[in-house]
Amino acid sequence: MTDQQVPSDLPEPVVRKPRINASFVWLIPVLAALVGLSLVINAWMQAGPTITISFQSAEGLDPGKTPVKYKNVVIGRVTAVTLAKDRSHVTAKVSLEKSAEGFATADTRFWVVRPRIGLGGVSGIDTLLSGAFIGADVGESKESRDEFTGLEEPPAVTHGAPGKTFKLHTDDLGSLDIGSPVYYRRIQVGRVVTYQLDKDGKGVSLQIFVDGPNDEFVSKSTRFWNASGVDVSIGADGVKLNTQSLATVLAGGVAFGAPLGPHDETPAEQGAEFRLFGEQATAMAPPDGEPRYIRMRFDQSLRGLKVDAPVEFLGVPFGRVVSINLDFDEKTQTFPVIVGAVVYPQRLGRAHDKLVALAKARGDDAQLSQMMGRLIEHGLRAQARSGNLLTGQLYIALDFVPKAPKVPYDPMVKPLEIPTVPGSFDKLQEQLAEIVDKIQKIPFDSIGQNANATLAELNRTLKKVNDDVLPEFKTTLQGAQQTLGNANNALSADSPLQQNLGGTVQEMQRTVRSLRVLTDYLGAHPDALLRGRRADAPPERNAPPAPTSTQEGSKP
């Protein structure tokens, strides 16, 4: 079928026009605009003050990324970093949040937290992964501010930390630095917060912070000393090595403790000031009291005496040397040495108290000059003595010299001058000089000449003895040896002389026996001297035979 006919009963289409001409596609941009507007309004409502912080460099600062944190909570962000017009520093523009309005005050501190390695320890390690950020510490001020100077180092103590701050005064800083530890009984209880030079330039003031509750151990009588380095001492019981910890050897440190004996244990107040001593022994020593200045005049060389050399009274530390000056005496044309020293009479303890009591009992003025006058009358003198034979160091000793010559003394003369005597080493030098002079006066040349003449004469005598006396003496010894040989031969057992002597001795023995028999007979018959010897009686029977002359002679 080419032509198809449309049925006439079909409905005709009806075209209807929409009432709204806008398309639904435009709803998306509208919604986005509304959301953006709400975000802008919200950001405007949440936005806090904008501040500027100046730093020495922009290290670790990245605009739009570097956050500002307080207790690890983000309170703002760096929006821009610019170089100052004088190129001396950089300025970071920071937008704080609405909730951080209180950080824009006068005593708020800002610093860049980055990894730091020092003698005090390691900090900022977490920034190796998260990146550097600006740390903040808010104070108690209500004064608003929008410009700040950032710290180059993190503060040692943040506001609100429990504890107390104390101020220490010392002659020099030594090896101490910000962050150096503070020890109590070798336990770290605080740190050095800051230090500065005194206005007069004669000392250094340090501020330390002791964490609570350990700050209660700091009382009004607490002593502080510099615990830096190693303390080595040599005594009768050997060598002693003392140090607080390895950290104090490298970075220095401060230690404190209570003095021995009864003391005030009232806790020290916030900001109390103390003296920082150089060592523990000096810190724990009894109070020195009011210092007194004395002067001494020496007429000999004081090579080896230095400023700060000790001054001792009978071996007890009494003060230290503060000045050594050279003077000129027109009368004697000499150059005496004037030594000035500061002494502390209270270091003598009970001796000082008794001297004061005796002075008051006599009605004298209990002044050092009056008391010294009494002691000088009894032989008190100042003497420079050797403290170390190896180094030649000298110290001043106040001691009583027996039979010391009288010297004029006026207690009213200022400053107080103590008479002096030569030191023991100087006396030794004088004695050695006298010995050397006496040795030099010995005529060694004439003695040597006489010794040479004596030796020559002795040489001639020995030569004459060798040439004349010794040969004759040898001949005499040979003759004596021959004579002794002949005598030895004559006295031998088989020599005729020995045989004749033996017979003679036997004859003498027989003669003696005969005389003994005769004397025995005359003792029994004394009349035989007149009548003669009687006839022998006949032998009796059973009678023992009469003893022969030989038997009778054998009787004792």
Protein backbone atom coordinates (compact mmCIF):
# COMPACT_ATOMS: atom_id res chain seq x y z
CA MET A 1 0.00 0.00 0.00
CA THR A 2 1.41 3.28 -1.09
CA ASP A 3 -1.17 5.44 0.34
CA GLN A 4 -2.50 4.62 3.77
CA GLN A 5 -5.51 6.39 5.01
CA VAL A 6 -5.53 7.67 8.61
CA PRO A 7 -8.58 6.68 10.60
CA SER A 8 -10.78 9.63 11.41
CA ASP A 9 -11.69 8.44 14.91
CA LEU A 10 -8.15 8.96 16.41
CA PRO A 11 -7.73 11.79 19.08
CA GLU A 12 -5.85 14.88 18.11
CA PRO A 13 -2.70 15.73 20.15
CA VAL A 14 -2.95 18.64 22.51
CA VAL A 15 0.20 20.81 23.07
CA ARG A 16 0.48 22.27 26.62
CA LYS A 17 3.00 25.07 27.56
CA PRO A 18 4.88 24.96 31.01
CA ARG A 19 4.10 27.67 33.51
CA ILE A 20 7.81 28.16 34.63
CA ASN A 21 10.44 28.82 32.03
CA ALA A 22 13.59 28.23 34.34
CA SER A 23 15.43 24.94 33.98
CA PHE A 24 16.38 22.69 36.88
CA VAL A 25 20.03 22.81 35.76
CA TRP A 26 20.47 26.25 37.30
CA LEU A 27 19.69 24.92 40.73
CA ILE A 28 23.21 23.49 41.13
CA PRO A 29 25.11 26.80 40.75
CA VAL A 30 22.63 28.47 42.99
CA LEU A 31 23.12 25.90 45.67
CA ALA A 32 26.92 26.15 45.29
CA ALA A 33 26.71 29.91 45.62
CA LEU A 34 24.65 29.59 48.75
CA VAL A 35 27.11 27.11 50.25
CA GLY A 36 30.07 29.35 49.38
CA LEU A 37 28.34 32.36 50.82
CA SER A 38 27.62 30.47 54.00
CA LEU A 39 31.26 29.41 54.21
CA VAL A 40 32.42 32.96 53.72
CA ILE A 41 30.02 34.18 56.35
CA ASN A 42 31.14 31.40 58.70
CA ALA A 43 34.83 32.11 58.06
CA TRP A 44 34.21 35.81 58.66
CA MET A 45 32.41 35.03 61.87
CA GLN A 46 35.13 32.57 62.99
CA ALA A 47 38.06 34.78 61.95
CA GLY A 48 40.10 36.24 64.78
CA PRO A 49 42.59 39.10 64.89
CA THR A 50 45.48 39.29 62.44
CA ILE A 51 48.93 39.76 64.00
CA THR A 52 52.51 40.10 62.72
CA ILE A 53 55.47 38.28 64.23
CA SER A 54 59.06 39.17 63.39
CA PHE A 55 61.80 36.49 63.30
CA GLN A 56 65.47 36.51 62.43
CA SER A 57 64.84 34.17 59.47
CA ALA A 58 61.94 32.49 57.67
CA GLU A 59 63.30 28.98 58.23
CA GLY A 60 60.36 26.59 58.62
CA LEU A 61 57.72 29.21 57.72
CA ASP A 62 55.49 28.40 54.73
CA PRO A 63 52.60 30.84 53.90
CA GLY A 64 49.24 29.12 53.96
CA LYS A 65 50.63 25.93 55.52
CA THR A 66 52.54 26.71 58.72
CA PRO A 67 50.12 26.54 61.65
CA VAL A 68 50.24 28.28 65.00
CA LYS A 69 49.68 25.86 67.88
CA TYR A 70 49.07 26.11 71.57
CA LYS A 71 49.32 22.84 73.49
CA ASN A 72 49.33 21.09 70.10
CA VAL A 73 45.96 22.71 69.12
CA VAL A 74 45.86 24.86 65.95
CA ILE A 75 44.84 28.42 66.83
CA GLY A 76 45.93 30.18 63.63
CA ARG A 77 47.93 29.96 60.43
CA VAL A 78 50.66 31.91 58.66
CA THR A 79 49.20 33.75 55.68
CA ALA A 80 52.22 35.65 54.39
CA VAL A 81 55.97 36.03 55.01
CA THR A 82 57.72 39.23 53.93
CA LEU A 83 61.21 40.67 54.31
CA ALA A 84 61.57 43.82 56.36
CA LYS A 85 62.60 47.02 54.60
CA ASP A 86 65.94 47.14 56.42
CA ARG A 87 66.50 43.42 55.63
CA SER A 88 67.36 42.72 59.26
CA HIS A 89 64.45 40.33 59.89
CA VAL A 90 61.36 38.75 58.37
CA THR A 91 57.73 39.42 59.22
CA ALA A 92 55.15 36.63 59.34
CA LYS A 93 51.50 37.60 59.04
CA VAL A 94 49.33 35.29 61.13
CA SER A 95 45.55 35.00 61.13
CA LEU A 96 44.29 33.78 64.49
CA GLU A 97 40.99 32.07 65.04
CA LYS A 98 38.04 33.71 66.79
CA SER A 99 38.65 31.54 69.85
CA ALA A 100 42.31 32.69 70.02
CA GLU A 101 41.60 36.38 70.51
CA GLY A 102 43.18 36.18 73.97
CA PHE A 103 46.61 35.39 72.43
CA ALA A 104 46.92 38.89 70.96
CA THR A 105 48.05 40.34 74.32
CA ALA A 106 51.23 42.08 75.44
CA ASP A 107 52.88 39.16 77.28
CA THR A 108 52.20 36.43 74.69
CA ARG A 109 55.33 34.75 73.33
CA PHE A 110 55.79 33.09 69.93
CA TRP A 111 58.64 30.92 68.66
CA VAL A 112 59.28 28.51 65.79
CA VAL A 113 59.25 24.86 66.84
CA ARG A 114 61.82 22.94 64.82
CA PRO A 115 64.18 20.04 65.62
CA ARG A 116 66.90 21.17 68.03
CA ILE A 117 69.82 19.19 69.41
CA GLY A 118 71.87 20.67 72.23
CA LEU A 119 73.62 19.89 75.50
CA GLY A 120 70.31 20.31 77.29
CA GLY A 121 68.63 17.59 75.25
CA VAL A 122 66.71 17.01 72.00
CA SER A 123 63.42 18.78 71.21
CA GLY A 124 61.03 19.18 68.27
CA ILE A 125 61.50 15.65 66.93
CA ASP A 126 57.81 15.44 65.89
CA THR A 127 58.32 18.27 63.40
CA LEU A 128 60.50 16.00 61.24
CA LEU A 129 57.25 14.48 59.88
CA SER A 130 54.64 17.19 60.41
CA GLY A 131 56.83 20.17 59.60
CA ALA A 132 57.77 23.22 61.66
CA PHE A 133 55.09 25.29 63.34
CA ILE A 134 54.85 28.38 65.52
CA GLY A 135 54.43 27.70 69.22
CA ALA A 136 52.57 30.11 71.47
CA ASP A 137 52.49 30.82 75.19
CA VAL A 138 49.83 33.18 76.54
CA GLY A 139 50.32 35.25 79.65
CA GLU A 140 47.99 37.08 82.01
CA SER A 141 48.07 40.54 80.42
CA LYS A 142 44.83 42.13 79.15
CA GLU A 143 46.55 44.69 76.91
CA SER A 144 45.89 44.01 73.23
CA ARG A 145 48.74 43.95 70.73
CA ASP A 146 49.11 43.01 67.07
CA GLU A 147 52.90 43.15 66.65
CA PHE A 148 55.25 40.69 68.36
CA THR A 149 58.93 39.77 68.32
CA GLY A 150 59.36 36.03 68.12
CA LEU A 151 61.79 34.12 70.33
CA GLU A 152 64.71 32.39 68.67
CA GLU A 153 64.75 29.69 71.37
CA PRO A 154 61.78 28.04 73.09
CA PRO A 155 61.10 29.49 76.55
CA ALA A 156 62.41 27.41 79.43
CA VAL A 157 59.20 27.92 81.44
CA THR A 158 55.70 28.50 80.17
CA HIS A 159 53.06 30.57 81.94
CA GLY A 160 51.01 28.70 84.47
CA ALA A 161 53.63 25.99 85.16
CA PRO A 162 53.62 24.98 88.86
CA GLY A 163 56.71 26.18 90.68
CA LYS A 164 58.60 29.31 91.68
CA THR A 165 61.15 31.57 90.08
CA PHE A 166 64.26 32.67 92.02
CA LYS A 167 67.06 35.10 91.22
CA LEU A 168 70.73 34.25 91.74
CA HIS A 169 73.70 36.65 91.79
CA THR A 170 77.23 35.57 90.89
CA ASP A 171 80.52 37.06 89.76
CA ASP A 172 80.54 35.34 86.36
CA LEU A 173 78.34 32.98 84.37
CA GLY A 174 80.87 30.17 84.01
CA SER A 175 79.56 27.31 81.87
CA LEU A 176 75.89 27.95 82.71
CA ASP A 177 73.39 28.63 79.94
CA ILE A 178 69.65 28.85 79.42
CA GLY A 179 68.20 25.42 80.11
CA SER A 180 71.05 24.31 82.40
CA PRO A 181 69.61 21.95 85.04
CA VAL A 182 69.01 22.78 88.69
CA TYR A 183 69.63 19.89 91.11
CA TYR A 184 68.52 19.07 94.63
CA ARG A 185 70.15 15.98 96.13
CA ARG A 186 71.35 15.07 92.60
CA ILE A 187 67.75 15.09 91.26
CA GLN A 188 66.86 17.65 88.59
CA VAL A 189 64.11 19.87 89.94
CA GLY A 190 64.38 22.94 87.71
CA ARG A 191 66.36 24.81 85.09
CA VAL A 192 68.00 28.13 84.31
CA VAL A 193 65.44 30.41 82.65
CA THR A 194 67.49 33.46 81.71
CA TYR A 195 70.56 35.48 82.64
CA GLN A 196 71.79 39.02 82.14
CA LEU A 197 74.70 41.25 83.05
CA ASP A 198 74.18 43.53 86.03
CA LYS A 199 73.75 47.22 85.35
CA ASP A 200 77.06 48.09 87.02
CA GLY A 201 78.83 45.37 85.02
CA LYS A 202 80.32 43.79 88.17
CA GLY A 203 78.30 40.58 88.16
CA VAL A 204 75.71 38.39 86.49
CA SER A 205 72.12 37.75 87.56
CA LEU A 206 70.45 34.45 86.73
CA GLN A 207 66.80 33.53 86.91
CA ILE A 208 66.00 29.89 87.71
CA PHE A 209 62.71 28.05 87.89
CA VAL A 210 62.13 25.21 90.37
CA ASP A 211 59.20 22.96 89.51
CA GLY A 212 56.52 22.32 92.07
CA PRO A 213 56.23 20.76 94.56
CA ASN A 214 60.03 20.74 94.85
CA ASP A 215 60.03 24.53 95.16
CA GLU A 216 59.04 24.03 98.81
CA PHE A 217 62.57 22.77 99.54
CA VAL A 218 63.97 26.23 98.78
CA SER A 219 63.96 28.03 102.13
CA LYS A 220 65.23 31.41 103.21
CA SER A 221 68.54 29.85 104.35
CA THR A 222 69.10 27.68 101.26
CA ARG A 223 72.55 27.87 99.66
CA PHE A 224 73.10 27.70 95.89
CA TRP A 225 76.40 26.77 94.20
CA ASN A 226 77.69 26.21 90.70
CA ALA A 227 77.78 22.44 90.12
CA SER A 228 79.44 22.65 86.70
CA GLY A 229 82.43 20.48 85.82
CA VAL A 230 84.20 18.00 88.06
CA ASP A 231 85.33 18.70 91.62
CA VAL A 232 88.59 16.87 92.40
CA SER A 233 90.11 17.05 95.89
CA ILE A 234 93.12 15.34 97.44
CA GLY A 235 93.07 14.66 101.17
CA ALA A 236 94.40 12.31 103.81
CA ASP A 237 91.93 9.63 102.72
CA GLY A 238 92.89 9.79 99.02
CA VAL A 239 91.55 11.42 95.88
CA LYS A 240 87.84 12.35 95.73
CA LEU A 241 85.87 12.96 92.52
CA ASN A 242 82.55 14.73 92.86
CA THR A 243 80.01 15.78 90.21
CA GLN A 244 76.24 16.08 89.99
CA SER A 245 75.79 14.29 86.65
CA LEU A 246 77.31 13.94 83.20
CA ALA A 247 75.07 16.79 82.01
CA THR A 248 76.67 19.22 84.46
CA VAL A 249 80.12 18.25 83.20
CA LEU A 250 79.12 19.17 79.64
CA ALA A 251 76.44 21.87 79.98
CA GLY A 252 76.87 23.11 83.54
CA GLY A 253 74.30 23.18 86.30
CA VAL A 254 73.20 24.67 89.61
CA ALA A 255 72.69 22.76 92.85
CA PHE A 256 71.21 23.85 96.16
CA GLY A 257 70.85 22.47 99.65
CA ALA A 258 70.24 23.40 103.27
CA PRO A 259 73.21 24.32 105.49
CA LEU A 260 74.22 22.10 108.38
CA GLY A 261 72.91 22.77 111.84
CA PRO A 262 69.81 24.73 112.83
CA HIS A 263 68.53 27.11 110.17
CA ASP A 264 65.40 28.91 109.00
CA GLU A 265 63.22 26.42 107.08
CA THR A 266 60.58 28.96 106.03
CA PRO A 267 59.90 28.45 102.28
CA ALA A 268 61.29 31.23 100.13
CA GLU A 269 58.86 33.51 98.34
CA GLN A 270 58.47 33.92 94.60
CA GLY A 271 61.35 35.97 93.18
CA ALA A 272 63.56 35.63 96.26
CA GLU A 273 67.24 36.49 95.64
CA PHE A 274 70.22 34.33 96.63
CA ARG A 275 73.99 34.28 96.22
CA LEU A 276 75.41 31.71 93.79
CA PHE A 277 78.69 30.37 95.20
CA GLY A 278 81.43 28.85 93.12
CA GLU A 279 81.58 25.52 94.96
CA GLN A 280 79.72 23.50 97.57
CA ALA A 281 82.33 23.84 100.32
CA THR A 282 82.18 27.63 100.15
CA ALA A 283 78.39 27.63 99.98
CA MET A 284 78.01 25.41 103.04
CA ALA A 285 80.57 27.30 105.12
CA PRO A 286 79.32 29.32 108.11
CA PRO A 287 78.30 32.92 107.39
CA ASP A 288 81.29 35.14 106.77
CA GLY A 289 79.81 38.19 108.36
CA GLU A 290 80.96 41.71 107.59
CA PRO A 291 84.30 41.83 105.72
CA ARG A 292 87.25 43.89 106.98
CA TYR A 293 90.13 45.30 104.97
CA ILE A 294 93.72 44.94 106.19
CA ARG A 295 97.05 45.90 104.67
CA MET A 296 100.50 44.32 104.96
CA ARG A 297 103.92 45.63 103.93
CA PHE A 298 106.56 43.14 102.81
CA ASP A 299 110.20 44.02 102.17
CA GLN A 300 111.00 40.89 100.16
CA SER A 301 109.94 39.57 96.79
CA LEU A 302 106.47 37.99 96.69
CA ARG A 303 106.81 36.10 93.44
CA GLY A 304 104.11 33.42 93.47
CA LEU A 305 101.54 35.45 95.43
CA LYS A 306 98.40 36.02 93.38
CA VAL A 307 95.14 37.87 93.88
CA ASP A 308 92.57 35.59 95.59
CA ALA A 309 95.38 33.78 97.41
CA PRO A 310 94.14 32.59 100.83
CA VAL A 311 94.82 34.41 104.09
CA GLU A 312 94.94 32.03 107.07
CA PHE A 313 94.92 32.64 110.81
CA LEU A 314 96.69 29.74 112.55
CA GLY A 315 95.73 27.52 109.62
CA VAL A 316 92.05 28.58 109.59
CA PRO A 317 90.78 30.30 106.39
CA PHE A 318 90.47 33.94 107.36
CA GLY A 319 90.17 35.86 104.09
CA ARG A 320 91.76 36.39 100.68
CA VAL A 321 94.19 38.70 98.95
CA VAL A 322 92.49 41.42 96.90
CA SER A 323 95.41 43.61 95.75
CA ILE A 324 99.19 43.50 95.30
CA ASN A 325 100.90 46.84 94.67
CA LEU A 326 104.51 47.98 94.52
CA ASP A 327 105.64 50.97 96.63
CA PHE A 328 108.87 53.01 96.86
CA ASP A 329 110.68 54.02 100.06
CA GLU A 330 112.83 57.12 99.59
CA LYS A 331 114.79 56.61 102.82
CA THR A 332 115.92 53.06 102.13
CA GLN A 333 115.71 53.30 98.34
CA THR A 334 113.77 50.01 98.28
CA PHE A 335 110.55 48.83 96.68
CA PRO A 336 108.30 47.26 99.33
CA VAL A 337 105.23 45.28 98.30
CA ILE A 338 101.88 46.41 99.72
CA VAL A 339 99.38 43.55 99.96
CA GLY A 340 95.70 44.27 100.60
CA ALA A 341 93.38 41.57 101.91
CA VAL A 342 89.77 41.18 102.93
CA VAL A 343 89.27 39.16 106.12
CA TYR A 344 86.16 37.85 107.85
CA PRO A 345 86.54 37.86 111.65
CA GLN A 346 83.42 35.74 112.19
CA ARG A 347 85.18 32.81 110.51
CA LEU A 348 87.13 32.38 113.75
CA GLY A 349 83.90 31.19 115.42
CA ARG A 350 84.01 30.97 119.19
CA ALA A 351 87.47 32.56 119.29
CA HIS A 352 86.04 35.75 117.80
CA ASP A 353 83.12 35.74 120.25
CA LYS A 354 85.48 35.35 123.21
CA LEU A 355 87.77 38.12 121.96
CA VAL A 356 84.79 40.45 121.64
CA ALA A 357 83.61 39.51 125.14
CA LEU A 358 87.08 40.14 126.62
CA ALA A 359 87.33 43.48 124.86
CA LYS A 360 83.96 44.56 126.26
CA ALA A 361 84.94 43.32 129.75
CA ARG A 362 88.08 45.51 129.64
CA GLY A 363 86.04 48.45 128.47
CA ASP A 364 87.71 48.52 125.04
CA ASP A 365 85.99 49.07 121.77
CA ALA A 366 85.18 45.62 120.32
CA GLN A 367 86.64 46.52 116.93
CA LEU A 368 89.02 44.45 114.84
CA SER A 369 91.74 47.08 115.17
CA GLN A 370 91.57 46.97 118.98
CA MET A 371 91.62 43.18 119.10
CA MET A 372 94.45 42.99 116.57
CA GLY A 373 96.45 45.44 118.68
CA ARG A 374 96.36 43.05 121.62
CA LEU A 375 97.38 40.14 119.43
CA ILE A 376 100.20 42.12 117.78
CA GLU A 377 101.62 42.84 121.24
CA HIS A 378 101.83 39.07 121.77
CA GLY A 379 103.72 38.49 118.53
CA LEU A 380 101.06 38.27 115.81
CA ARG A 381 102.75 38.80 112.43
CA ALA A 382 101.90 38.29 108.78
CA GLN A 383 104.16 35.99 106.81
CA ALA A 384 104.27 34.90 103.17
CA ARG A 385 104.59 31.12 103.08
CA SER A 386 104.88 28.60 100.30
CA GLY A 387 101.65 26.74 99.68
CA ASN A 388 102.99 24.46 96.94
CA LEU A 389 106.67 23.69 96.40
CA LEU A 390 105.99 22.44 92.86
CA THR A 391 104.15 25.53 91.59
CA GLY A 392 105.75 28.07 93.92
CA GLN A 393 102.39 29.54 94.96
CA LEU A 394 102.37 31.63 98.14
CA TYR A 395 99.71 32.44 100.72
CA ILE A 396 99.54 34.83 103.67
CA ALA A 397 99.70 33.30 107.14
CA LEU A 398 98.85 35.19 110.34
CA ASP A 399 100.76 33.48 113.13
CA PHE A 400 102.48 34.22 116.43
CA VAL A 401 106.26 34.60 116.10
CA PRO A 402 108.27 33.84 119.28
CA LYS A 403 110.47 36.71 120.47
CA ALA A 404 109.16 38.99 117.73
CA PRO A 405 110.59 42.51 117.98
CA LYS A 406 108.24 45.19 119.22
CA VAL A 407 106.67 47.36 116.53
CA PRO A 408 104.68 50.59 116.88
CA TYR A 409 100.96 50.12 116.35
CA ASP A 410 98.19 52.69 116.25
CA PRO A 411 94.64 51.20 116.19
CA MET A 412 93.25 54.49 114.92
CA VAL A 413 95.17 54.40 111.65
CA LYS A 414 93.06 53.41 108.66
CA PRO A 415 93.34 50.95 107.03
CA LEU A 416 94.45 48.42 109.60
CA GLU A 417 98.09 47.43 108.93
CA ILE A 418 99.52 44.14 110.20
CA PRO A 419 103.32 43.98 110.76
CA THR A 420 105.17 41.34 108.78
CA VAL A 421 108.21 39.09 109.11
CA PRO A 422 110.21 37.34 106.39
CA GLY A 423 108.80 34.04 105.27
CA SER A 424 110.33 30.70 106.12
CA PHE A 425 111.35 30.23 102.52
CA ASP A 426 113.04 33.63 102.52
CA LYS A 427 114.93 32.69 105.69
CA LEU A 428 116.01 29.48 104.01
CA GLN A 429 117.25 31.49 101.04
CA GLU A 430 119.16 33.83 103.37
CA GLN A 431 120.75 30.86 105.16
CA LEU A 432 121.67 29.28 101.85
CA ALA A 433 123.17 32.62 100.75
CA GLU A 434 125.24 32.78 103.95
CA ILE A 435 126.42 29.22 103.43
CA VAL A 436 127.37 30.06 99.85
CA ASP A 437 129.28 33.13 101.06
CA LYS A 438 131.18 31.07 103.61
CA ILE A 439 131.95 28.45 101.00
CA GLN A 440 133.21 31.15 98.66
CA LYS A 441 135.57 32.41 101.37
CA ILE A 442 137.28 29.02 101.68
CA PRO A 443 140.77 29.24 99.99
CA PHE A 444 140.32 26.32 97.68
CA ASP A 445 143.38 27.41 95.59
CA SER A 446 145.86 27.32 98.49
CA ILE A 447 144.29 24.14 99.81
CA GLY A 448 144.71 22.61 96.41
CA GLN A 449 148.34 23.72 96.18
CA ASN A 450 149.09 22.31 99.64
CA ALA A 451 147.32 19.11 98.72
CA ASN A 452 149.42 18.84 95.57
CA ALA A 453 152.65 19.37 97.56
CA THR A 454 151.55 16.83 100.16
CA LEU A 455 150.73 14.30 97.50
CA ALA A 456 154.13 14.87 95.83
CA GLU A 457 155.94 14.35 99.15
CA LEU A 458 153.88 11.25 99.82
CA ASN A 459 154.76 9.99 96.37
CA ARG A 460 158.49 10.43 97.08
CA THR A 461 158.16 8.68 100.45
CA LEU A 462 156.35 5.73 98.92
CA LYS A 463 158.97 5.51 96.20
CA LYS A 464 161.77 5.42 98.81
CA VAL A 465 159.89 2.76 100.75
CA ASN A 466 159.54 0.69 97.60
CA ASP A 467 163.20 1.08 96.65
CA ASP A 468 165.01 0.82 100.03
CA VAL A 469 162.80 -0.33 102.88
CA LEU A 470 160.83 -3.08 101.19
CA PRO A 471 163.89 -5.10 99.97
CA GLU A 472 165.48 -4.98 103.47
CA PHE A 473 162.21 -5.88 105.04
CA LYS A 474 161.95 -8.82 102.66
CA THR A 475 165.43 -10.06 103.70
CA THR A 476 164.51 -9.74 107.38
CA LEU A 477 161.38 -11.75 106.84
CA GLN A 478 163.39 -14.48 105.13
CA GLY A 479 165.85 -14.64 108.11
CA ALA A 480 162.99 -14.77 110.58
CA GLN A 481 161.37 -17.53 108.57
CA GLN A 482 164.65 -19.53 108.66
CA THR A 483 165.00 -19.02 112.43
CA LEU A 484 161.47 -20.21 113.02
CA GLY A 485 162.20 -23.28 110.90
CA ASN A 486 165.24 -24.18 112.98
CA ALA A 487 163.30 -23.74 116.20
CA ASN A 488 160.59 -25.98 114.82
CA ASN A 489 163.12 -28.67 113.98
CA ALA A 490 164.68 -28.41 117.47
CA LEU A 491 161.35 -28.85 119.16
CA SER A 492 160.29 -31.88 117.13
CA ALA A 493 159.64 -35.21 118.98
CA ASP A 494 162.64 -37.13 117.59
CA SER A 495 165.22 -34.39 118.03
CA PRO A 496 168.13 -34.92 120.56
CA LEU A 497 167.02 -31.82 122.45
CA GLN A 498 163.60 -33.28 123.03
CA GLN A 499 165.13 -36.64 124.19
CA ASN A 500 167.55 -34.96 126.61
CA LEU A 501 164.76 -32.88 127.99
CA GLY A 502 162.67 -36.04 128.55
CA GLY A 503 165.48 -37.78 130.50
CA THR A 504 166.12 -34.71 132.58
CA VAL A 505 162.47 -34.54 133.50
CA GLN A 506 162.45 -38.19 134.60
CA GLU A 507 165.53 -37.66 136.81
CA MET A 508 163.90 -34.69 138.39
CA GLN A 509 160.79 -36.80 139.12
CA ARG A 510 162.87 -39.47 140.90
CA THR A 511 164.68 -36.83 142.92
CA VAL A 512 161.43 -35.37 144.00
CA ARG A 513 160.12 -38.75 145.13
CA SER A 514 163.23 -39.37 147.19
CA LEU A 515 162.93 -36.05 148.91
CA ARG A 516 159.29 -36.82 149.67
CA VAL A 517 160.22 -40.17 151.32
CA LEU A 518 162.90 -38.44 153.36
CA THR A 519 160.58 -35.75 154.57
CA ASP A 520 157.97 -38.35 155.50
CA TYR A 521 160.51 -40.35 157.51
CA LEU A 522 161.83 -37.31 159.34
CA GLY A 523 158.29 -36.33 160.12
CA ALA A 524 157.72 -39.70 161.78
CA HIS A 525 161.29 -39.97 163.31
CA PRO A 526 162.70 -36.50 163.94
CA ASP A 527 165.37 -37.95 166.21
CA ALA A 528 166.94 -39.61 163.22
CA LEU A 529 168.74 -36.34 162.54
CA LEU A 530 170.80 -37.05 165.74
CA ARG A 531 170.87 -40.82 166.07
CA GLY A 532 170.65 -41.82 162.50
CA ARG A 533 168.27 -44.14 160.82
CA ARG A 534 167.09 -47.12 162.76
CA ALA A 535 167.41 -50.68 161.57
CA ASP A 536 164.47 -52.11 159.77
CA ALA A 537 162.22 -54.34 161.91
CA PRO A 538 161.91 -57.99 160.94
CA PRO A 539 158.92 -58.77 158.86
CA GLU A 540 155.95 -60.05 160.70
CA ARG A 541 154.05 -63.07 159.79
CA ASN A 542 150.91 -62.63 157.82
CA ALA A 543 151.88 -59.05 157.59
CA PRO A 544 151.73 -57.32 154.30
CA PRO A 545 155.08 -56.69 152.71
CA ALA A 546 156.65 -53.34 153.30
CA PRO A 547 156.19 -50.91 150.43
CA THR A 548 159.16 -50.26 148.28
CA SER A 549 160.56 -46.90 147.64
CA THR A 550 158.95 -46.90 144.24
CA GLN A 551 155.54 -47.65 145.72
CA GLU A 552 156.01 -45.11 148.48
CA GLY A 553 157.06 -42.55 146.02
CA SER A 554 153.93 -43.15 143.97
CA LYS A 555 151.76 -42.11 146.94
CA PRO A 556 150.53 -38.63 146.83
